[in-house]
PDB file of N, CA and C in Angstrom:
ATOM      1  N   MET A   1      30.052  86.404  50.401  1.00  0.00           N
ATOM      2  CA  MET A   1      30.940  86.912  49.690  1.00  0.00           C
ATOM      3  C   MET A   1      30.551  86.923  48.087  1.00  0.00           C
ATOM      4  N   PRO A   2      30.660  87.852  47.266  1.00  0.00           N
ATOM      5  CA  PRO A   2      30.363  87.832  45.890  1.00  0.00           C
ATOM      6  C   PRO A   2      31.269  86.882  45.093  1.00  0.00           C
ATOM      7  N   ASP A   3      30.579  86.622  43.916  1.00  0.00           N
ATOM      8  CA  ASP A   3      31.559  85.692  43.156  1.00  0.00           C
ATOM      9  C   ASP A   3      32.787  86.200  42.726  1.00  0.00           C
ATOM     10  N   PHE A   4      33.625  85.418  42.706  1.00  0.00           N
ATOM     11  CA  PHE A   4      35.068  85.764  42.469  1.00  0.00           C
ATOM     12  C   PHE A   4      35.764  84.759  41.584  1.00  0.00           C
ATOM     13  N   SER A   5      36.376  85.170  40.581  1.00  0.00           N
ATOM     14  CA  SER A   5      37.180  84.082  39.831  1.00  0.00           C
ATOM     15  C   SER A   5      38.471  84.573  39.158  1.00  0.00           C
ATOM     16  N   ILE A   6      39.436  83.775  39.074  1.00  0.00           N
ATOM     17  CA  ILE A   6      40.783  84.151  38.527  1.00  0.00           C
ATOM     18  C   ILE A   6      41.149  82.961  37.610  1.00  0.00           C
ATOM     19  N   ALA A   7      41.378  83.473  36.379  1.00  0.00           N
ATOM     20  CA  ALA A   7      42.108  82.408  35.625  1.00  0.00           C
ATOM     21  C   ALA A   7      43.153  82.758  34.818  1.00  0.00           C
ATOM     22  N   THR A   8      44.143  81.833  34.657  1.00  0.00           N
ATOM     23  CA  THR A   8      45.467  82.072  34.264  1.00  0.00           C
ATOM     24  C   THR A   8      45.781  81.336  32.927  1.00  0.00           C
ATOM     25  N   THR A   9      46.249  81.955  31.966  1.00  0.00           N
ATOM     26  CA  THR A   9      46.991  81.317  30.695  1.00  0.00           C
ATOM     27  C   THR A   9      48.333  81.667  30.545  1.00  0.00           C
ATOM     28  N   LYS A  10      49.237  80.774  30.349  1.00  0.00           N
ATOM     29  CA  LYS A  10      50.549  81.035  30.276  1.00  0.00           C
ATOM     30  C   LYS A  10      51.125  80.506  28.767  1.00  0.00           C
ATOM     31  N   ASP A  11      52.181  81.246  28.395  1.00  0.00           N
ATOM     32  CA  ASP A  11      52.823  80.891  27.281  1.00  0.00           C
ATOM     33  C   ASP A  11      54.193  81.372  27.334  1.00  0.00           C
ATOM     34  N   GLY A  12      54.895  80.327  27.656  1.00  0.00           N
ATOM     35  CA  GLY A  12      56.445  80.570  27.775  1.00  0.00           C
ATOM     36  C   GLY A  12      56.534  81.437  28.961  1.00  0.00           C
ATOM     37  N   ASN A  13      57.338  82.531  28.851  1.00  0.00           N
ATOM     38  CA  ASN A  13      57.371  83.641  30.005  1.00  0.00           C
ATOM     39  C   ASN A  13      56.314  84.734  30.006  1.00  0.00           C
ATOM     40  N   VAL A  14      55.185  84.495  29.348  1.00  0.00           N
ATOM     41  CA  VAL A  14      54.069  85.437  29.331  1.00  0.00           C
ATOM     42  C   VAL A  14      53.077  84.796  29.987  1.00  0.00           C
ATOM     43  N   ALA A  15      52.126  85.658  30.551  1.00  0.00           N
ATOM     44  CA  ALA A  15      50.903  85.143  31.126  1.00  0.00           C
ATOM     45  C   ALA A  15      49.821  86.057  31.177  1.00  0.00           C
ATOM     46  N   ASP A  16      48.583  85.583  31.029  1.00  0.00           N
ATOM     47  CA  ASP A  16      47.515  86.668  31.350  1.00  0.00           C
ATOM     48  C   ASP A  16      46.713  86.125  32.423  1.00  0.00           C
ATOM     49  N   ILE A  17      46.265  87.119  33.136  1.00  0.00           N
ATOM     50  CA  ILE A  17      45.430  86.724  34.347  1.00  0.00           C
ATOM     51  C   ILE A  17      44.311  87.505  34.246  1.00  0.00           C
ATOM     52  N   VAL A  18      43.057  86.790  34.198  1.00  0.00           N
ATOM     53  CA  VAL A  18      41.741  87.218  33.996  1.00  0.00           C
ATOM     54  C   VAL A  18      40.833  87.449  35.371  1.00  0.00           C
ATOM     55  N   ILE A  19      40.461  88.509  35.989  1.00  0.00           N
ATOM     56  CA  ILE A  19      39.810  88.376  37.243  1.00  0.00           C
ATOM     57  C   ILE A  19      38.406  88.901  36.997  1.00  0.00           C
ATOM     58  N   ALA A  20      37.592  88.475  37.718  1.00  0.00           N
ATOM     59  CA  ALA A  20      36.063  88.776  37.559  1.00  0.00           C
ATOM     60  C   ALA A  20      35.600  88.896  39.094  1.00  0.00           C
ATOM     61  N   GLY A  21      34.821  89.929  39.469  1.00  0.00           N
ATOM     62  CA  GLY A  21      34.422  89.959  40.819  1.00  0.00           C
ATOM     63  C   GLY A  21      35.021  91.036  41.643  1.00  0.00           C
ATOM     64  N   GLU A  22      34.854  91.065  42.940  1.00  0.00           N
ATOM     65  CA  GLU A  22      35.537  92.205  43.732  1.00  0.00           C
ATOM     66  C   GLU A  22      36.966  91.468  43.953  1.00  0.00           C
ATOM     67  N   LEU A  23      37.948  92.643  43.893  1.00  0.00           N
ATOM     68  CA  LEU A  23      39.364  92.417  44.097  1.00  0.00           C
ATOM     69  C   LEU A  23      39.504  93.124  45.387  1.00  0.00           C
ATOM     70  N   ASP A  24      39.514  92.466  46.583  1.00  0.00           N
ATOM     71  CA  ASP A  24      39.499  93.162  47.888  1.00  0.00           C
ATOM     72  C   ASP A  24      40.509  92.306  48.856  1.00  0.00           C
ATOM     73  N   MET A  25      40.354  92.864  50.197  1.00  0.00           N
ATOM     74  CA  MET A  25      41.202  92.064  51.109  1.00  0.00           C
ATOM     75  C   MET A  25      41.031  90.661  51.327  1.00  0.00           C
ATOM     76  N   TYR A  26      39.921  90.089  50.796  1.00  0.00           N
ATOM     77  CA  TYR A  26      39.560  88.657  50.811  1.00  0.00           C
ATOM     78  C   TYR A  26      40.007  87.890  49.849  1.00  0.00           C
ATOM     79  N   THR A  27      39.902  88.669  48.547  1.00  0.00           N
ATOM     80  CA  THR A  27      40.276  87.754  47.363  1.00  0.00           C
ATOM     81  C   THR A  27      41.615  88.184  46.834  1.00  0.00           C
ATOM     82  N   ALA A  28      42.109  89.222  47.216  1.00  0.00           N
ATOM     83  CA  ALA A  28      43.701  89.668  46.666  1.00  0.00           C
ATOM     84  C   ALA A  28      44.732  88.558  47.142  1.00  0.00           C
ATOM     85  N   PRO A  29      44.548  87.910  48.022  1.00  0.00           N
ATOM     86  CA  PRO A  29      45.452  86.836  48.384  1.00  0.00           C
ATOM     87  C   PRO A  29      45.802  85.859  47.344  1.00  0.00           C
ATOM     88  N   GLN A  30      44.775  85.604  46.731  1.00  0.00           N
ATOM     89  CA  GLN A  30      44.661  84.687  45.588  1.00  0.00           C
ATOM     90  C   GLN A  30      45.411  85.097  44.301  1.00  0.00           C
ATOM     91  N   LEU A  31      45.202  86.439  44.113  1.00  0.00           N
ATOM     92  CA  LEU A  31      45.984  87.107  42.959  1.00  0.00           C
ATOM     93  C   LEU A  31      47.519  87.136  43.473  1.00  0.00           C
ATOM     94  N   ARG A  32      47.764  87.399  44.753  1.00  0.00           N
ATOM     95  CA  ARG A  32      49.294  87.441  45.282  1.00  0.00           C
ATOM     96  C   ARG A  32      49.902  86.026  44.929  1.00  0.00           C
ATOM     97  N   ASP A  33      49.257  84.968  45.359  1.00  0.00           N
ATOM     98  CA  ASP A  33      49.689  83.605  45.351  1.00  0.00           C
ATOM     99  C   ASP A  33      49.818  83.316  43.660  1.00  0.00           C
ATOM    100  N   THR A  34      48.905  83.869  42.999  1.00  0.00           N
ATOM    101  CA  THR A  34      49.124  83.472  41.550  1.00  0.00           C
ATOM    102  C   THR A  34      50.341  84.138  40.882  1.00  0.00           C
ATOM    103  N   LEU A  35      50.477  85.456  41.280  1.00  0.00           N
ATOM    104  CA  LEU A  35      51.645  86.168  40.826  1.00  0.00           C
ATOM    105  C   LEU A  35      53.069  85.854  41.334  1.00  0.00           C
ATOM    106  N   VAL A  36      52.995  85.066  42.446  1.00  0.00           N
ATOM    107  CA  VAL A  36      54.282  84.704  43.074  1.00  0.00           C
ATOM    108  C   VAL A  36      54.484  83.168  42.380  1.00  0.00           C
ATOM    109  N   GLU A  37      53.501  82.399  42.199  1.00  0.00           N
ATOM    110  CA  GLU A  37      53.664  81.352  41.334  1.00  0.00           C
ATOM    111  C   GLU A  37      54.325  81.515  39.991  1.00  0.00           C
ATOM    112  N   LEU A  38      53.672  82.426  39.381  1.00  0.00           N
ATOM    113  CA  LEU A  38      54.031  82.622  37.842  1.00  0.00           C
ATOM    114  C   LEU A  38      55.426  82.895  37.956  1.00  0.00           C
ATOM    115  N   THR A  39      55.788  84.065  38.636  1.00  0.00           N
ATOM    116  CA  THR A  39      57.365  84.672  38.777  1.00  0.00           C
ATOM    117  C   THR A  39      58.245  83.596  39.017  1.00  0.00           C
ATOM    118  N   ALA A  40      57.856  82.649  40.132  1.00  0.00           N
ATOM    119  CA  ALA A  40      58.705  81.500  40.346  1.00  0.00           C
ATOM    120  C   ALA A  40      59.065  80.585  39.373  1.00  0.00           C
ATOM    121  N   THR A  41      58.048  80.379  38.460  1.00  0.00           N
ATOM    122  CA  THR A  41      58.206  79.458  37.227  1.00  0.00           C
ATOM    123  C   THR A  41      58.549  80.151  35.826  1.00  0.00           C
ATOM    124  N   GLY A  42      59.149  81.290  36.005  1.00  0.00           N
ATOM    125  CA  GLY A  42      59.834  81.876  34.905  1.00  0.00           C
ATOM    126  C   GLY A  42      59.172  82.892  34.094  1.00  0.00           C
ATOM    127  N   VAL A  43      57.767  83.257  34.661  1.00  0.00           N
ATOM    128  CA  VAL A  43      56.991  84.176  33.852  1.00  0.00           C
ATOM    129  C   VAL A  43      57.547  85.478  34.062  1.00  0.00           C
ATOM    130  N   ARG A  44      57.831  86.408  33.092  1.00  0.00           N
ATOM    131  CA  ARG A  44      58.499  87.626  33.175  1.00  0.00           C
ATOM    132  C   ARG A  44      57.432  88.792  32.749  1.00  0.00           C
ATOM    133  N   GLN A  45      56.449  88.339  31.869  1.00  0.00           N
ATOM    134  CA  GLN A  45      55.526  89.442  31.495  1.00  0.00           C
ATOM    135  C   GLN A  45      54.010  88.904  31.869  1.00  0.00           C
ATOM    136  N   VAL A  46      53.372  89.893  32.648  1.00  0.00           N
ATOM    137  CA  VAL A  46      52.271  89.440  33.084  1.00  0.00           C
ATOM    138  C   VAL A  46      51.238  90.640  32.826  1.00  0.00           C
ATOM    139  N   THR A  47      49.972  90.222  32.227  1.00  0.00           N
ATOM    140  CA  THR A  47      48.816  91.060  32.004  1.00  0.00           C
ATOM    141  C   THR A  47      47.851  90.856  32.833  1.00  0.00           C
ATOM    142  N   VAL A  48      47.271  91.767  33.630  1.00  0.00           N
ATOM    143  CA  VAL A  48      46.133  91.626  34.621  1.00  0.00           C
ATOM    144  C   VAL A  48      44.787  92.051  33.863  1.00  0.00           C
ATOM    145  N   ASP A  49      44.018  91.427  33.508  1.00  0.00           N
ATOM    146  CA  ASP A  49      42.668  91.830  32.866  1.00  0.00           C
ATOM    147  C   ASP A  49      41.693  92.196  34.018  1.00  0.00           C
ATOM    148  N   LEU A  50      41.392  93.451  34.088  1.00  0.00           N
ATOM    149  CA  LEU A  50      40.453  93.853  35.220  1.00  0.00           C
ATOM    150  C   LEU A  50      39.017  94.256  34.521  1.00  0.00           C
ATOM    151  N   ALA A  51      38.760  93.837  33.408  1.00  0.00           N
ATOM    152  CA  ALA A  51      37.493  94.119  32.630  1.00  0.00           C
ATOM    153  C   ALA A  51      36.245  93.713  33.645  1.00  0.00           C
ATOM    154  N   GLY A  52      36.424  92.412  34.290  1.00  0.00           N
ATOM    155  CA  GLY A  52      35.280  92.001  34.903  1.00  0.00           C
ATOM    156  C   GLY A  52      35.344  92.142  36.271  1.00  0.00           C
ATOM    157  N   VAL A  53      36.297  93.230  36.881  1.00  0.00           N
ATOM    158  CA  VAL A  53      36.222  93.514  38.211  1.00  0.00           C
ATOM    159  C   VAL A  53      35.512  94.637  38.607  1.00  0.00           C
ATOM    160  N   ASN A  54      34.697  94.553  39.536  1.00  0.00           N
ATOM    161  CA  ASN A  54      33.603  95.618  39.807  1.00  0.00           C
ATOM    162  C   ASN A  54      34.113  96.430  41.103  1.00  0.00           C
ATOM    163  N   PHE A  55      35.085  95.948  41.669  1.00  0.00           N
ATOM    164  CA  PHE A  55      35.501  96.752  42.913  1.00  0.00           C
ATOM    165  C   PHE A  55      37.101  96.481  43.238  1.00  0.00           C
ATOM    166  N   VAL A  56      37.793  97.518  43.634  1.00  0.00           N
ATOM    167  CA  VAL A  56      39.195  97.179  43.732  1.00  0.00           C
ATOM    168  C   VAL A  56      39.389  98.169  45.176  1.00  0.00           C
ATOM    169  N   ASP A  57      40.112  97.430  46.314  1.00  0.00           N
ATOM    170  CA  ASP A  57      40.525  98.125  47.382  1.00  0.00           C
ATOM    171  C   ASP A  57      41.853  98.374  47.584  1.00  0.00           C
ATOM    172  N   SER A  58      42.497  98.939  48.644  1.00  0.00           N
ATOM    173  CA  SER A  58      43.880  99.306  48.684  1.00  0.00           C
ATOM    174  C   SER A  58      44.648  97.942  48.979  1.00  0.00           C
ATOM    175  N   THR A  59      44.119  97.063  49.415  1.00  0.00           N
ATOM    176  CA  THR A  59      44.804  95.704  49.587  1.00  0.00           C
ATOM    177  C   THR A  59      45.220  94.976  48.353  1.00  0.00           C
ATOM    178  N   ALA A  60      44.259  95.207  47.314  1.00  0.00           N
ATOM    179  CA  ALA A  60      44.357  94.630  45.927  1.00  0.00           C
ATOM    180  C   ALA A  60      45.269  95.430  45.193  1.00  0.00           C
ATOM    181  N   LEU A  61      45.393  96.869  45.303  1.00  0.00           N
ATOM    182  CA  LEU A  61      46.439  97.730  44.937  1.00  0.00           C
ATOM    183  C   LEU A  61      47.810  97.244  45.301  1.00  0.00           C
ATOM    184  N   GLY A  62      47.754  97.166  46.730  1.00  0.00           N
ATOM    185  CA  GLY A  62      49.173  96.691  47.166  1.00  0.00           C
ATOM    186  C   GLY A  62      49.596  95.374  46.628  1.00  0.00           C
ATOM    187  N   VAL A  63      48.741  94.601  46.376  1.00  0.00           N
ATOM    188  CA  VAL A  63      49.219  93.289  45.812  1.00  0.00           C
ATOM    189  C   VAL A  63      49.597  93.505  44.289  1.00  0.00           C
ATOM    190  N   LEU A  64      48.979  94.332  43.622  1.00  0.00           N
ATOM    191  CA  LEU A  64      49.293  94.517  42.335  1.00  0.00           C
ATOM    192  C   LEU A  64      50.713  95.223  42.182  1.00  0.00           C
ATOM    193  N   VAL A  65      50.896  96.249  43.155  1.00  0.00           N
ATOM    194  CA  VAL A  65      52.214  97.061  43.164  1.00  0.00           C
ATOM    195  C   VAL A  65      53.427  96.074  43.781  1.00  0.00           C
ATOM    196  N   GLY A  66      53.006  95.168  44.487  1.00  0.00           N
ATOM    197  CA  GLY A  66      53.922  93.922  44.771  1.00  0.00           C
ATOM    198  C   GLY A  66      54.430  93.181  43.705  1.00  0.00           C
ATOM    199  N   GLY A  67      53.327  92.630  42.961  1.00  0.00           N
ATOM    200  CA  GLY A  67      53.618  91.791  41.933  1.00  0.00           C
ATOM    201  C   GLY A  67      54.590  92.460  40.655  1.00  0.00           C
ATOM    202  N   LEU A  68      54.182  93.993  40.527  1.00  0.00           N
ATOM    203  CA  LEU A  68      54.962  94.744  39.690  1.00  0.00           C
ATOM    204  C   LEU A  68      56.481  94.845  40.144  1.00  0.00           C
ATOM    205  N   LYS A  69      56.799  95.069  41.347  1.00  0.00           N
ATOM    206  CA  LYS A  69      58.014  95.283  41.872  1.00  0.00           C
ATOM    207  C   LYS A  69      58.721  93.605  41.727  1.00  0.00           C
ATOM    208  N   ARG A  70      58.090  92.756  42.069  1.00  0.00           N
ATOM    209  CA  ARG A  70      58.553  91.448  41.924  1.00  0.00           C
ATOM    210  C   ARG A  70      58.960  90.938  40.555  1.00  0.00           C
ATOM    211  N   LEU A  71      58.275  91.558  39.653  1.00  0.00           N
ATOM    212  CA  LEU A  71      58.335  91.093  38.292  1.00  0.00           C
ATOM    213  C   LEU A  71      59.604  92.028  37.671  1.00  0.00           C
ATOM    214  N   ARG A  72      59.608  93.366  38.180  1.00  0.00           N
ATOM    215  CA  ARG A  72      60.524  94.224  37.481  1.00  0.00           C
ATOM    216  C   ARG A  72      62.020  93.759  38.009  1.00  0.00           C
ATOM    217  N   GLN A  73      61.820  93.130  39.380  1.00  0.00           N
ATOM    218  CA  GLN A  73      63.126  92.732  39.954  1.00  0.00           C
ATOM    219  C   GLN A  73      63.802  91.540  39.110  1.00  0.00           C
ATOM    220  N   ALA A  74      62.848  90.906  38.415  1.00  0.00           N
ATOM    221  CA  ALA A  74      63.397  89.746  37.737  1.00  0.00           C
ATOM    222  C   ALA A  74      63.429  90.188  36.283  1.00  0.00           C
ATOM    223  N   ASP A  75      63.589  91.491  35.841  1.00  0.00           N
ATOM    224  CA  ASP A  75      63.635  92.084  34.707  1.00  0.00           C
ATOM    225  C   ASP A  75      62.351  91.756  33.659  1.00  0.00           C
ATOM    226  N   GLY A  76      61.221  91.779  34.367  1.00  0.00           N
ATOM    227  CA  GLY A  76      59.996  91.635  33.727  1.00  0.00           C
ATOM    228  C   GLY A  76      58.967  92.791  34.052  1.00  0.00           C
ATOM    229  N   ASP A  77      57.642  92.623  33.776  1.00  0.00           N
ATOM    230  CA  ASP A  77      56.774  93.802  33.663  1.00  0.00           C
ATOM    231  C   ASP A  77      55.358  93.215  33.962  1.00  0.00           C
ATOM    232  N   LEU A  78      54.295  94.021  34.576  1.00  0.00           N
ATOM    233  CA  LEU A  78      53.036  93.713  34.877  1.00  0.00           C
ATOM    234  C   LEU A  78      52.442  94.971  34.276  1.00  0.00           C
ATOM    235  N   ALA A  79      51.395  94.580  33.364  1.00  0.00           N
ATOM    236  CA  ALA A  79      50.565  95.547  32.791  1.00  0.00           C
ATOM    237  C   ALA A  79      48.957  95.295  33.314  1.00  0.00           C
ATOM    238  N   LEU A  80      48.408  96.387  32.940  1.00  0.00           N
ATOM    239  CA  LEU A  80      46.692  96.228  33.526  1.00  0.00           C
ATOM    240  C   LEU A  80      46.004  96.427  32.307  1.00  0.00           C
ATOM    241  N   ARG A  81      44.977  95.560  32.100  1.00  0.00           N
ATOM    242  CA  ARG A  81      44.195  95.771  30.931  1.00  0.00           C
ATOM    243  C   ARG A  81      42.705  95.827  31.286  1.00  0.00           C
ATOM    244  N   ALA A  82      42.134  96.934  30.674  1.00  0.00           N
ATOM    245  CA  ALA A  82      40.704  97.211  30.712  1.00  0.00           C
ATOM    246  C   ALA A  82      40.024  97.535  32.125  1.00  0.00           C
ATOM    247  N   PRO A  83      40.816  98.254  32.902  1.00  0.00           N
ATOM    248  CA  PRO A  83      40.138  98.618  34.283  1.00  0.00           C
ATOM    249  C   PRO A  83      38.677  99.419  34.231  1.00  0.00           C
ATOM    250  N   ARG A  84      37.874  99.271  34.949  1.00  0.00           N
ATOM    251  CA  ARG A  84      36.541  99.894  34.828  1.00  0.00           C
ATOM    252  C   ARG A  84      36.883 101.386  35.364  1.00  0.00           C
ATOM    253  N   PRO A  85      36.022 102.215  35.179  1.00  0.00           N
ATOM    254  CA  PRO A  85      36.172 103.542  35.341  1.00  0.00           C
ATOM    255  C   PRO A  85      36.533 103.844  36.857  1.00  0.00           C
ATOM    256  N   SER A  86      35.610 103.144  37.691  1.00  0.00           N
ATOM    257  CA  SER A  86      35.942 103.307  39.262  1.00  0.00           C
ATOM    258  C   SER A  86      37.199 102.781  39.624  1.00  0.00           C
ATOM    259  N   ALA A  87      37.702 101.671  39.045  1.00  0.00           N
ATOM    260  CA  ALA A  87      39.049 101.250  39.500  1.00  0.00           C
ATOM    261  C   ALA A  87      40.040 102.243  38.968  1.00  0.00           C
ATOM    262  N   LEU A  88      39.898 102.675  37.606  1.00  0.00           N
ATOM    263  CA  LEU A  88      40.803 103.539  36.916  1.00  0.00           C
ATOM    264  C   LEU A  88      40.995 104.983  37.900  1.00  0.00           C
ATOM    265  N   LYS A  89      39.927 105.454  38.256  1.00  0.00           N
ATOM    266  CA  LYS A  89      39.779 106.643  38.995  1.00  0.00           C
ATOM    267  C   LYS A  89      40.578 106.452  40.387  1.00  0.00           C
ATOM    268  N   VAL A  90      40.462 105.236  41.085  1.00  0.00           N
ATOM    269  CA  VAL A  90      41.419 104.995  42.323  1.00  0.00           C
ATOM    270  C   VAL A  90      42.746 104.920  41.928  1.00  0.00           C
ATOM    271  N   MET A  91      43.053 104.290  40.715  1.00  0.00           N
ATOM    272  CA  MET A  91      44.600 104.354  40.401  1.00  0.00           C
ATOM    273  C   MET A  91      45.075 105.788  40.030  1.00  0.00           C
ATOM    274  N   GLU A  92      44.241 106.387  39.432  1.00  0.00           N
ATOM    275  CA  GLU A  92      44.641 108.011  39.103  1.00  0.00           C
ATOM    276  C   GLU A  92      44.894 108.810  40.281  1.00  0.00           C
ATOM    277  N   MET A  93      44.052 108.620  41.406  1.00  0.00           N
ATOM    278  CA  MET A  93      44.117 109.321  42.656  1.00  0.00           C
ATOM    279  C   MET A  93      45.480 108.943  43.432  1.00  0.00           C
ATOM    280  N   THR A  94      45.770 107.858  43.331  1.00  0.00           N
ATOM    281  CA  THR A  94      46.855 106.991  44.022  1.00  0.00           C
ATOM    282  C   THR A  94      48.217 107.184  43.104  1.00  0.00           C
ATOM    283  N   GLY A  95      48.135 107.710  41.985  1.00  0.00           N
ATOM    284  CA  GLY A  95      49.176 107.760  41.286  1.00  0.00           C
ATOM    285  C   GLY A  95      49.636 106.513  40.426  1.00  0.00           C
ATOM    286  N   LEU A  96      49.063 105.519  40.564  1.00  0.00           N
ATOM    287  CA  LEU A  96      49.427 104.437  39.921  1.00  0.00           C
ATOM    288  C   LEU A  96      49.141 104.357  38.513  1.00  0.00           C
ATOM    289  N   THR A  97      48.647 105.139  37.873  1.00  0.00           N
ATOM    290  CA  THR A  97      48.539 105.343  36.362  1.00  0.00           C
ATOM    291  C   THR A  97      49.664 105.569  35.820  1.00  0.00           C
ATOM    292  N   ARG A  98      50.550 106.381  36.561  1.00  0.00           N
ATOM    293  CA  ARG A  98      52.111 106.542  36.065  1.00  0.00           C
ATOM    294  C   ARG A  98      52.975 105.511  36.181  1.00  0.00           C
ATOM    295  N   VAL A  99      52.681 104.567  36.981  1.00  0.00           N
ATOM    296  CA  VAL A  99      53.475 103.449  37.421  1.00  0.00           C
ATOM    297  C   VAL A  99      53.139 102.032  36.514  1.00  0.00           C
ATOM    298  N   PHE A 100      52.048 101.777  36.380  1.00  0.00           N
ATOM    299  CA  PHE A 100      51.643 100.626  35.504  1.00  0.00           C
ATOM    300  C   PHE A 100      51.047 100.994  34.028  1.00  0.00           C
ATOM    301  N   THR A 101      51.678 100.212  33.190  1.00  0.00           N
ATOM    302  CA  THR A 101      51.045 100.205  31.773  1.00  0.00           C
ATOM    303  C   THR A 101      49.516  99.786  31.886  1.00  0.00           C
ATOM    304  N   ILE A 102      48.672 100.733  31.297  1.00  0.00           N
ATOM    305  CA  ILE A 102      47.428 100.318  31.323  1.00  0.00           C
ATOM    306  C   ILE A 102      46.872 100.553  29.991  1.00  0.00           C
ATOM    307  N   THR A 103      46.098  99.399  29.334  1.00  0.00           N
ATOM    308  CA  THR A 103      45.729  99.247  28.141  1.00  0.00           C
ATOM    309  C   THR A 103      44.112  99.095  28.358  1.00  0.00           C
ATOM    310  N   GLN A 104      43.488  99.444  26.942  1.00  0.00           N
ATOM    311  CA  GLN A 104      42.122  99.155  26.878  1.00  0.00           C
ATOM    312  C   GLN A 104      41.992  97.606  26.632  1.00  0.00           C
ATOM    313  N   ALA A 105      40.551  97.303  26.638  1.00  0.00           N
ATOM    314  CA  ALA A 105      40.229  95.672  26.254  1.00  0.00           C
ATOM    315  C   ALA A 105      40.777  95.131  25.159  1.00  0.00           C
ATOM    316  N   ASP A 106      40.943  96.137  24.052  1.00  0.00           N
ATOM    317  CA  ASP A 106      41.413  95.713  22.584  1.00  0.00           C
ATOM    318  C   ASP A 106      42.947  95.593  22.710  1.00  0.00           C
ATOM    319  N   GLY A 107      43.449  95.926  23.699  1.00  0.00           N
ATOM    320  CA  GLY A 107      45.043  95.989  23.870  1.00  0.00           C
ATOM    321  C   GLY A 107      45.836  97.250  23.365  1.00  0.00           C
ATOM    322  N   GLY A 108      44.829  98.257  22.930  1.00  0.00           N
ATOM    323  CA  GLY A 108      45.237  99.179  22.146  1.00  0.00           C
ATOM    324  C   GLY A 108      45.625 100.445  23.051  1.00  0.00           C
ATOM    325  N   ALA A 109      44.972 101.677  22.903  1.00  0.00           N
ATOM    326  CA  ALA A 109      45.335 102.963  23.437  1.00  0.00           C
ATOM    327  C   ALA A 109      45.518 102.788  25.131  1.00  0.00           C
ATOM    328  N   PRO A 110      46.590 103.367  25.609  1.00  0.00           N
ATOM    329  CA  PRO A 110      46.574 103.306  26.891  1.00  0.00           C
ATOM    330  C   PRO A 110      45.350 104.056  27.772  1.00  0.00           C
ATOM    331  N   GLY A 111      45.342 103.773  28.989  1.00  0.00           N
ATOM    332  CA  GLY A 111      44.343 104.642  29.743  1.00  0.00           C
ATOM    333  C   GLY A 111      44.862 106.064  30.030  1.00  0.00           C
ATOM    334  N   PRO A 112      43.940 106.864  30.443  1.00  0.00           N
ATOM    335  CA  PRO A 112      44.282 108.292  30.484  1.00  0.00           C
ATOM    336  C   PRO A 112      45.416 108.404  31.624  1.00  0.00           C
ATOM    337  N   PRO A 113      46.240 109.522  31.160  1.00  0.00           N
ATOM    338  CA  PRO A 113      47.454 109.758  31.995  1.00  0.00           C
ATOM    339  C   PRO A 113      46.968 110.328  33.486  1.00  0.00           C
ATOM    340  N   GLY A 114      47.825 109.912  34.275  1.00  0.00           N
ATOM    341  CA  GLY A 114      47.622 110.211  35.835  1.00  0.00           C
ATOM    342  C   GLY A 114      47.931 111.605  36.014  1.00  0.00           C
TER     343      GLY A 114
END
């Protein structure tokens, strides 16, 4: 299995999750557990940094959508930062660019519209 890491920083009800490696059916459960735990501890704004992710599969997309739904039900939100072009293309094809707020690495301009 390729190297995978997930790191979380939390400040009050805001959290950043930085992921590196492949986000797939084997590693997505770690992201799901992290999102569930953050939401349970009162976090309402989550940004998932995907700059270090070189592969995203449908299981991972499902986990991201589930996390978004969970946070929105708690009056929060989940945003994605700096997905690589291959991941962004999958999100465009599935319509997820219209669901998620997607920003570039600098936190600035949003990703291309879906």
